[in-house]
Amino acid sequence: EKDLDLRVRYQRALGLCYDDAEEASLAGQCLTKAKELAQRRCTIAQEEVDASTTSLEEASQALEAAKNARLALDDEDEVIDEEAPAPAPAADVPEDDATTATEATLDTAQRDSMAEYEAREKRKSDLEDARKAKRENALAKADAAVLKAEQARSDAEVRQTKAMDVTKVERTKLEDVFLHCVHVGVDVKSDVAEDMRAKSLVDIQGVKSGLGSTSPKDSLASLVTILSELGVEAPGSTPVPSDNEEDEEIEKATLATEAAEGVADAGRCALRVADFSDEGSDFSKSECVALARRCALRAGHAKDSPPHARMKLDLLKCLLTARELDDQACVPLASVKSGGEKRKPLKEDATQAQREEAEKAERKLEAARREKLRGREVDAARLARRVEALKLLDRTLLAAKRLDAADVIEEGCVAAWNIGL
């Protein structure tokens, strides 16, 4: 069992090597074996979570019982013995017999009564001291039991937290194996049917793996279907500016936490479809960009999204920011005439036709100047947006390195190179 993780990585690496060698059958066999081993790892991790949860419940019950026992000692009424009667006072001596009164002493009965009273008081004091010592000992034991129960509960919580973290890691590794299986043609839909997040990632990977062999229209339709299952409606064919989309009520609706990562992945996949496809009569890149923008807006409204989802959302925002002004055409500087080619002053005897021709050339030159100025503004704005995209990408790469997301690191490095150029 301790070598399961190594065996999973070995089988996955072997499957990827066979895939690079175009041995689809062998790659499928290796990745299927890796999937089975990874599922076994997840089962072991989940069993540890269940055991730790049971231990936590038992520790909580023991702590509650210890606290109740301690409170019972505080509320316990002390049993007090009835006080022994004091000895009778000495009999009055007649006043007329002064000699007898001076020499008189307590008789034997009175002395016995006093001795008995003192003995009772001493026994009562000894019993009281013993009772107090016993009570203090019981309270000390009860306090020690409470502290021990609290420590046991704390250890159980730590154990459960570690088990849940291990389960998350193993689940992430299993999802990576699922994605590789989809890429080589191994069917894993039955394995992810009950998990909305994993199902969306697998479906999106199917679209990515089909690029080049599937028509762009079908790929876009598949993404729309996946997003509809995640609760995201596709926009119209004409992209809507982001400033207006944020005001729409549909964009303000809260997205399910488990759907955030799938929506962000779908947006990145839509941009990839736009980059790897050509414009056609039945396909427009603007539809993909609009869909990616909708995904970014909806994923941003996810409640308590996990770190992986936030990382992928930042990458999607970076890609959208870098291409915001790509559709704005700039006039080449060579299209504007230099100063030496400007119109020469007209002579006083110029004809009407020459004057009209000169005014026409002046208007054309002025329009070229305006286009040149607009081109410079667009270039400056595009440069500023790309700088902002690189800042966002830097944060994304740091998060991807911390989360050990190799696919996002690779895609982010490629994006940094393209944006920087």
Protein backbone atom coordinates (compact mmCIF):
# COMPACT_ATOMS: atom_id res chain seq x y z
CA GLU A 1 0.00 0.00 0.00
CA LYS A 2 2.85 2.42 0.75
CA ASP A 3 4.06 2.20 -2.89
CA LEU A 4 0.68 3.05 -4.43
CA ASP A 5 1.60 6.69 -5.07
CA LEU A 6 4.82 5.71 -6.83
CA ARG A 7 2.96 3.13 -8.92
CA VAL A 8 0.33 5.71 -9.91
CA ARG A 9 2.98 8.17 -11.08
CA TYR A 10 4.90 5.44 -12.90
CA GLN A 11 1.86 4.16 -14.79
CA ARG A 12 0.77 7.70 -15.68
CA ALA A 13 4.24 8.64 -16.96
CA LEU A 14 4.44 5.41 -18.94
CA GLY A 15 1.04 6.10 -20.47
CA LEU A 16 2.08 9.60 -21.51
CA CYS A 17 5.25 8.21 -23.11
CA TYR A 18 3.19 5.70 -25.10
CA ASP A 19 0.86 8.53 -26.10
CA ASP A 20 3.79 10.58 -27.41
CA ALA A 21 4.90 7.50 -29.34
CA GLU A 22 1.37 7.27 -30.82
CA GLU A 23 0.73 3.92 -29.15
CA ALA A 24 -2.84 4.65 -28.13
CA SER A 25 -3.68 1.11 -27.02
CA LEU A 26 -0.70 0.77 -24.66
CA ALA A 27 -1.23 4.32 -23.38
CA GLY A 28 -4.84 3.49 -22.58
CA GLN A 29 -3.84 0.33 -20.69
CA CYS A 30 -1.26 2.17 -18.57
CA LEU A 31 -3.58 5.06 -17.77
CA THR A 32 -6.41 2.68 -16.92
CA LYS A 33 -4.10 0.95 -14.45
CA ALA A 34 -3.05 4.35 -13.07
CA LYS A 35 -6.72 5.25 -12.66
CA GLU A 36 -7.44 2.08 -10.68
CA LEU A 37 -4.45 2.63 -8.40
CA ALA A 38 -5.36 6.29 -7.87
CA GLN A 39 -8.92 5.29 -6.99
CA ARG A 40 -7.51 2.85 -4.44
CA ARG A 41 -5.47 5.69 -2.93
CA CYS A 42 -8.59 7.83 -2.69
CA THR A 43 -10.45 4.98 -1.00
CA ILE A 44 -7.71 4.58 1.62
CA ALA A 45 -7.67 8.32 2.24
CA GLN A 46 -11.45 8.42 2.59
CA GLU A 47 -11.34 5.51 5.06
CA GLU A 48 -8.89 7.50 7.16
CA VAL A 49 -11.25 10.48 7.04
CA ASP A 50 -14.14 8.30 8.23
CA ALA A 51 -12.02 6.82 11.03
CA SER A 52 -10.83 10.23 12.15
CA THR A 53 -14.40 11.55 12.10
CA THR A 54 -15.51 8.66 14.31
CA SER A 55 -12.63 9.32 16.70
CA LEU A 56 -13.55 12.99 16.82
CA GLU A 57 -17.15 12.17 17.68
CA GLU A 58 -16.07 9.77 20.43
CA ALA A 59 -13.63 12.33 21.84
CA SER A 60 -16.33 14.99 21.81
CA GLN A 61 -18.69 12.70 23.72
CA ALA A 62 -15.97 11.86 26.26
CA LEU A 63 -15.23 15.55 26.74
CA GLU A 64 -18.90 16.30 27.29
CA ALA A 65 -19.15 13.50 29.87
CA ALA A 66 -16.04 14.76 31.71
CA LYS A 67 -17.42 18.30 31.82
CA ASN A 68 -20.75 17.05 33.16
CA ALA A 69 -18.98 15.06 35.88
CA ARG A 70 -17.00 18.14 36.85
CA LEU A 71 -20.14 20.24 37.07
CA ALA A 72 -21.83 17.56 39.17
CA LEU A 73 -19.06 17.87 41.76
CA ASP A 74 -19.58 21.62 41.92
CA ASP A 75 -23.31 21.20 42.48
CA GLU A 76 -22.96 18.43 45.06
CA ASP A 77 -24.29 19.40 48.48
CA GLU A 78 -21.97 18.75 51.36
CA VAL A 79 -23.31 16.48 54.11
CA ILE A 80 -22.98 18.19 57.52
CA ASP A 81 -23.30 16.13 60.73
CA GLU A 82 -25.45 17.45 63.54
CA GLU A 83 -23.44 19.25 66.13
CA ALA A 84 -22.96 17.40 69.40
CA PRO A 85 -24.58 19.11 72.38
CA ALA A 86 -22.26 21.12 74.62
CA PRO A 87 -21.73 19.88 78.18
CA ALA A 88 -24.07 21.18 80.87
CA PRO A 89 -22.76 24.18 82.83
CA ALA A 90 -21.61 23.74 86.42
CA ALA A 91 -24.28 23.83 89.10
CA ASP A 92 -24.72 27.04 91.02
CA VAL A 93 -23.02 27.06 94.34
CA PRO A 94 -24.97 28.52 97.29
CA GLU A 95 -23.83 32.00 98.05
CA ASP A 96 -23.99 31.49 101.77
CA ASP A 97 -21.32 28.83 101.80
CA ALA A 98 -18.23 30.80 100.72
CA THR A 99 -15.67 28.14 101.69
CA THR A 100 -17.53 25.40 99.79
CA ALA A 101 -17.91 27.68 96.72
CA THR A 102 -14.18 28.51 96.69
CA GLU A 103 -13.00 24.88 96.94
CA ALA A 104 -15.76 23.38 94.78
CA THR A 105 -14.79 21.71 91.47
CA LEU A 106 -16.58 20.06 88.68
CA ASP A 107 -17.88 16.70 89.63
CA THR A 108 -16.87 13.58 87.77
CA ALA A 109 -19.95 13.56 85.54
CA GLN A 110 -19.26 17.08 84.28
CA ARG A 111 -15.62 16.26 83.56
CA ASP A 112 -16.68 13.18 81.59
CA SER A 113 -19.19 15.26 79.65
CA MET A 114 -16.58 17.85 78.72
CA ALA A 115 -14.09 15.17 77.60
CA GLU A 116 -16.74 13.54 75.47
CA TYR A 117 -17.61 16.88 73.88
CA GLU A 118 -13.99 17.60 73.03
CA ALA A 119 -13.59 14.13 71.55
CA ARG A 120 -16.64 14.65 69.37
CA GLU A 121 -15.37 18.02 68.19
CA LYS A 122 -12.03 16.49 67.29
CA ARG A 123 -13.67 13.64 65.38
CA LYS A 124 -15.87 16.17 63.59
CA SER A 125 -12.82 18.22 62.64
CA ASP A 126 -11.00 15.12 61.42
CA LEU A 127 -14.01 14.05 59.34
CA GLU A 128 -14.31 17.54 57.87
CA ASP A 129 -10.64 17.56 56.90
CA ALA A 130 -10.93 14.12 55.36
CA ARG A 131 -14.06 15.15 53.47
CA LYS A 132 -12.36 18.28 52.12
CA ALA A 133 -9.29 16.32 51.07
CA LYS A 134 -11.47 13.74 49.33
CA ARG A 135 -13.42 16.46 47.56
CA GLU A 136 -10.27 18.25 46.45
CA ASN A 137 -8.87 14.97 45.18
CA ALA A 138 -12.10 14.28 43.24
CA LEU A 139 -12.05 17.79 41.74
CA ALA A 140 -8.41 17.38 40.72
CA LYS A 141 -9.19 14.07 39.04
CA ALA A 142 -12.20 15.60 37.29
CA ASP A 143 -10.11 18.54 36.04
CA ALA A 144 -7.42 16.15 34.82
CA ALA A 145 -10.08 14.09 33.02
CA VAL A 146 -11.43 17.23 31.31
CA LEU A 147 -7.94 18.28 30.20
CA LYS A 148 -7.23 14.79 28.91
CA ALA A 149 -10.53 14.73 27.01
CA GLU A 150 -9.81 18.17 25.52
CA GLN A 151 -6.38 17.01 24.40
CA ALA A 152 -7.87 13.87 22.88
CA ARG A 153 -10.45 15.94 21.02
CA SER A 154 -7.74 18.33 19.78
CA ASP A 155 -5.66 15.39 18.53
CA ALA A 156 -8.72 13.98 16.79
CA GLU A 157 -9.36 17.33 15.07
CA VAL A 158 -5.74 17.48 13.88
CA ARG A 159 -5.99 13.94 12.60
CA GLN A 160 -9.22 14.70 10.75
CA THR A 161 -7.74 17.86 9.20
CA LYS A 162 -4.68 16.00 7.97
CA ALA A 163 -6.83 13.19 6.60
CA MET A 164 -9.05 15.64 4.73
CA ASP A 165 -6.02 17.43 3.27
CA VAL A 166 -4.59 14.11 2.08
CA THR A 167 -7.95 13.22 0.56
CA LYS A 168 -8.02 16.50 -1.38
CA VAL A 169 -4.51 15.87 -2.71
CA GLU A 170 -5.35 12.32 -3.74
CA ARG A 171 -8.56 13.49 -5.38
CA THR A 172 -6.62 16.09 -7.38
CA LYS A 173 -4.16 13.42 -8.53
CA LEU A 174 -7.05 11.19 -9.55
CA GLU A 175 -8.60 14.02 -11.55
CA ASP A 176 -5.29 14.52 -13.37
CA VAL A 177 -5.32 10.84 -14.29
CA PHE A 178 -8.91 11.20 -15.51
CA LEU A 179 -7.89 14.07 -17.80
CA HIS A 180 -5.02 12.05 -19.26
CA CYS A 181 -7.39 9.13 -19.79
CA VAL A 182 -9.79 11.36 -21.70
CA HIS A 183 -6.94 12.61 -23.88
CA VAL A 184 -6.01 9.08 -25.00
CA GLY A 185 -9.63 7.99 -25.45
CA VAL A 186 -10.33 6.08 -22.22
CA ASP A 187 -13.94 6.51 -21.10
CA VAL A 188 -14.17 7.78 -17.50
CA LYS A 189 -17.64 9.34 -17.52
CA SER A 190 -19.04 6.62 -15.29
CA ASP A 191 -16.34 7.40 -12.70
CA VAL A 192 -17.27 11.10 -12.47
CA ALA A 193 -21.03 10.91 -12.93
CA GLU A 194 -21.72 11.83 -9.29
CA ASP A 195 -19.19 14.69 -9.08
CA MET A 196 -20.24 17.86 -10.91
CA ARG A 197 -16.81 19.46 -10.69
CA ALA A 198 -14.90 16.44 -11.98
CA LYS A 199 -17.50 15.82 -14.69
CA SER A 200 -17.16 19.38 -16.00
CA LEU A 201 -13.34 19.12 -16.05
CA VAL A 202 -13.51 15.83 -17.93
CA ASP A 203 -15.99 17.19 -20.48
CA ILE A 204 -13.86 20.30 -21.05
CA GLN A 205 -10.77 18.14 -21.52
CA GLY A 206 -12.70 16.24 -24.17
CA VAL A 207 -13.24 19.51 -26.04
CA LYS A 208 -9.56 20.45 -25.71
CA SER A 209 -8.39 17.06 -26.93
CA GLY A 210 -10.76 17.27 -29.91
CA LEU A 211 -9.36 20.56 -31.22
CA GLY A 212 -8.15 20.08 -34.77
CA SER A 213 -10.31 17.04 -35.40
CA THR A 214 -13.65 18.57 -34.39
CA SER A 215 -15.22 21.56 -36.11
CA PRO A 216 -15.06 24.85 -34.17
CA LYS A 217 -18.84 25.09 -34.25
CA ASP A 218 -19.22 21.70 -32.55
CA SER A 219 -16.55 22.55 -29.98
CA LEU A 220 -18.31 25.79 -29.12
CA ALA A 221 -21.66 23.99 -28.89
CA SER A 222 -20.12 21.44 -26.50
CA LEU A 223 -18.82 24.25 -24.28
CA VAL A 224 -22.24 25.88 -24.23
CA THR A 225 -23.78 22.57 -23.15
CA ILE A 226 -21.21 22.10 -20.39
CA LEU A 227 -21.77 25.63 -19.10
CA SER A 228 -25.53 25.17 -19.08
CA GLU A 229 -25.05 22.16 -16.80
CA LEU A 230 -22.95 24.36 -14.52
CA GLY A 231 -25.62 27.07 -14.40
CA VAL A 232 -24.10 29.56 -16.88
CA GLU A 233 -26.12 30.77 -19.85
CA ALA A 234 -24.23 31.49 -23.05
CA PRO A 235 -24.35 35.06 -24.44
CA GLY A 236 -25.57 35.98 -27.90
CA SER A 237 -23.43 35.78 -30.98
CA THR A 238 -22.49 39.45 -30.69
CA PRO A 239 -20.09 40.11 -27.79
CA VAL A 240 -21.34 42.59 -25.24
CA PRO A 241 -18.87 45.03 -23.63
CA SER A 242 -17.81 43.94 -20.19
CA ASP A 243 -18.93 47.23 -18.60
CA ASN A 244 -22.49 46.53 -19.69
CA GLU A 245 -22.43 42.86 -18.80
CA GLU A 246 -21.59 43.57 -15.19
CA ASP A 247 -24.86 45.43 -14.83
CA GLU A 248 -26.95 42.50 -15.96
CA GLU A 249 -28.84 40.65 -13.26
CA ILE A 250 -27.85 37.29 -14.70
CA GLU A 251 -24.18 38.07 -14.05
CA LYS A 252 -24.85 39.02 -10.43
CA ALA A 253 -26.31 35.63 -9.51
CA THR A 254 -24.09 33.59 -7.18
CA LEU A 255 -22.37 30.63 -8.81
CA ALA A 256 -22.07 27.29 -7.02
CA THR A 257 -18.67 26.74 -5.40
CA GLU A 258 -18.06 23.40 -7.09
CA ALA A 259 -18.84 24.93 -10.52
CA ALA A 260 -16.35 27.82 -10.33
CA GLU A 261 -13.31 25.88 -11.53
CA GLY A 262 -15.20 24.29 -14.41
CA VAL A 263 -16.53 27.67 -15.57
CA ALA A 264 -13.02 29.17 -15.54
CA ASP A 265 -11.67 26.20 -17.50
CA ALA A 266 -14.49 26.52 -20.01
CA GLY A 267 -13.58 30.18 -20.58
CA ARG A 268 -9.94 29.29 -21.25
CA CYS A 269 -11.05 26.52 -23.58
CA ALA A 270 -13.26 28.97 -25.49
CA LEU A 271 -10.26 31.24 -26.07
CA ARG A 272 -8.26 28.24 -27.23
CA VAL A 273 -10.99 27.37 -29.72
CA ALA A 274 -10.82 30.95 -31.02
CA ASP A 275 -7.01 30.79 -31.35
CA PHE A 276 -6.92 27.44 -33.15
CA SER A 277 -9.82 28.07 -35.53
CA ASP A 278 -10.45 30.24 -38.55
CA GLU A 279 -13.41 32.46 -39.24
CA GLY A 280 -16.13 30.75 -41.25
CA SER A 281 -19.69 31.09 -42.35
CA ASP A 282 -20.88 29.03 -39.36
CA PHE A 283 -18.26 30.15 -36.82
CA SER A 284 -17.11 33.47 -35.42
CA LYS A 285 -14.21 34.01 -33.03
CA SER A 286 -16.15 36.80 -31.38
CA GLU A 287 -18.62 34.20 -30.08
CA CYS A 288 -15.79 32.39 -28.29
CA VAL A 289 -14.44 35.62 -26.81
CA ALA A 290 -17.91 36.61 -25.63
CA LEU A 291 -18.37 33.20 -24.04
CA ALA A 292 -15.00 33.49 -22.29
CA ARG A 293 -15.95 36.93 -20.99
CA ARG A 294 -19.23 35.56 -19.65
CA CYS A 295 -17.34 32.74 -17.92
CA ALA A 296 -14.97 35.20 -16.25
CA LEU A 297 -17.86 37.30 -14.95
CA ARG A 298 -19.81 34.33 -13.63
CA ALA A 299 -16.79 32.62 -12.06
CA GLY A 300 -16.02 35.89 -10.28
CA HIS A 301 -19.39 35.66 -8.50
CA ALA A 302 -18.71 32.19 -7.09
CA LYS A 303 -19.08 32.01 -3.32
CA ASP A 304 -16.04 30.78 -1.37
CA SER A 305 -14.33 29.45 -4.48
CA PRO A 306 -11.31 27.17 -3.81
CA PRO A 307 -7.72 28.29 -4.53
CA HIS A 308 -7.50 26.33 -7.79
CA ALA A 309 -10.62 28.06 -9.10
CA ARG A 310 -9.30 31.53 -8.18
CA MET A 311 -5.97 30.75 -9.84
CA LYS A 312 -7.62 29.65 -13.09
CA LEU A 313 -9.94 32.65 -12.99
CA ASP A 314 -6.93 34.99 -12.74
CA LEU A 315 -5.37 33.29 -15.76
CA LEU A 316 -8.60 33.71 -17.72
CA LYS A 317 -8.80 37.40 -16.78
CA CYS A 318 -5.19 37.83 -17.85
CA LEU A 319 -5.84 36.32 -21.28
CA LEU A 320 -8.94 38.47 -21.76
CA THR A 321 -7.13 41.63 -20.65
CA ALA A 322 -4.28 41.02 -23.09
CA ARG A 323 -6.63 40.75 -26.06
CA GLU A 324 -9.08 43.53 -25.19
CA LEU A 325 -7.85 45.92 -27.93
CA ASP A 326 -6.70 43.33 -30.47
CA ASP A 327 -9.73 44.06 -32.65
CA GLN A 328 -8.91 47.80 -32.77
CA ALA A 329 -7.19 48.53 -36.08
CA CYS A 330 -4.21 50.91 -36.03
CA VAL A 331 -3.23 53.03 -39.04
CA PRO A 332 0.40 52.37 -40.07
CA LEU A 333 2.60 55.42 -39.65
CA ALA A 334 3.77 55.04 -43.23
CA SER A 335 0.26 55.90 -44.42
CA VAL A 336 0.71 59.50 -43.22
CA LYS A 337 2.69 61.71 -45.60
CA SER A 338 5.85 63.32 -44.37
CA GLY A 339 6.31 67.11 -44.16
CA GLY A 340 8.17 67.30 -47.47
CA GLU A 341 5.20 65.84 -49.29
CA LYS A 342 2.70 68.29 -47.86
CA ARG A 343 0.74 70.64 -50.10
CA LYS A 344 2.63 73.67 -51.35
CA PRO A 345 1.02 77.11 -51.00
CA LEU A 346 -1.23 78.07 -53.92
CA LYS A 347 -0.41 80.98 -56.09
CA GLU A 348 -2.73 83.93 -56.28
CA ASP A 349 -3.65 83.14 -59.87
CA ALA A 350 -4.60 79.51 -59.14
CA THR A 351 -7.71 78.23 -60.87
CA GLN A 352 -10.85 77.04 -59.15
CA ALA A 353 -10.05 73.42 -59.99
CA GLN A 354 -6.62 73.75 -58.41
CA ARG A 355 -8.13 75.25 -55.29
CA GLU A 356 -10.67 72.41 -54.98
CA GLU A 357 -7.91 69.86 -55.49
CA ALA A 358 -5.83 71.54 -52.80
CA GLU A 359 -8.73 71.56 -50.32
CA LYS A 360 -9.38 67.90 -51.00
CA ALA A 361 -5.72 67.06 -50.36
CA GLU A 362 -5.82 69.11 -47.14
CA ARG A 363 -8.86 67.23 -45.86
CA LYS A 364 -7.22 63.91 -46.69
CA LEU A 365 -4.04 64.94 -44.87
CA GLU A 366 -6.02 66.08 -41.82
CA ALA A 367 -7.89 62.76 -41.72
CA ALA A 368 -4.57 60.93 -41.89
CA ARG A 369 -3.28 62.99 -38.99
CA ARG A 370 -6.31 62.11 -36.90
CA GLU A 371 -5.91 58.43 -37.74
CA LYS A 372 -2.25 58.64 -36.80
CA LEU A 373 -3.14 60.16 -33.43
CA ARG A 374 -5.81 57.50 -32.87
CA GLY A 375 -3.32 54.80 -33.78
CA ARG A 376 -0.89 56.07 -31.18
CA GLU A 377 -3.65 56.14 -28.54
CA VAL A 378 -4.62 52.58 -29.38
CA ASP A 379 -0.99 51.46 -29.21
CA ALA A 380 -0.56 53.13 -25.82
CA ALA A 381 -3.79 51.63 -24.50
CA ARG A 382 -2.85 48.18 -25.80
CA LEU A 383 0.57 48.43 -24.16
CA ALA A 384 -1.02 49.47 -20.85
CA ARG A 385 -3.47 46.57 -20.94
CA ARG A 386 -0.70 44.09 -21.69
CA VAL A 387 1.31 45.43 -18.76
CA GLU A 388 -1.72 44.91 -16.51
CA ALA A 389 -2.14 41.42 -17.94
CA LEU A 390 1.49 40.58 -17.13
CA LYS A 391 1.03 41.78 -13.55
CA LEU A 392 -2.01 39.55 -13.18
CA LEU A 393 -0.15 36.68 -14.84
CA ASP A 394 2.74 37.03 -12.38
CA ARG A 395 0.34 36.56 -9.48
CA THR A 396 -1.23 33.59 -11.26
CA LEU A 397 2.10 31.86 -11.78
CA LEU A 398 3.05 32.30 -8.13
CA ALA A 399 -0.25 30.73 -7.09
CA ALA A 400 0.18 27.91 -9.61
CA LYS A 401 3.66 27.16 -8.30
CA ARG A 402 2.37 27.12 -4.72
CA LEU A 403 -0.50 24.79 -5.69
CA ASP A 404 1.73 22.63 -7.90
CA ALA A 405 -0.55 23.11 -10.93
CA ALA A 406 1.79 22.08 -13.73
CA ASP A 407 -0.72 22.64 -16.56
CA VAL A 408 -1.44 26.20 -15.44
CA ILE A 409 2.28 26.94 -15.06
CA GLU A 410 2.90 25.74 -18.62
CA GLU A 411 -0.01 27.70 -20.07
CA GLY A 412 0.97 30.78 -18.04
CA CYS A 413 4.56 30.69 -19.30
CA VAL A 414 3.35 30.49 -22.90
CA ALA A 415 0.96 33.37 -22.26
CA ALA A 416 3.76 35.45 -20.70
CA TRP A 417 5.89 34.94 -23.78
CA ASN A 418 3.09 35.84 -26.18
CA ILE A 419 1.93 38.87 -24.19
CA GLY A 420 5.49 40.11 -23.76
CA LEU A 421 6.08 39.97 -27.50
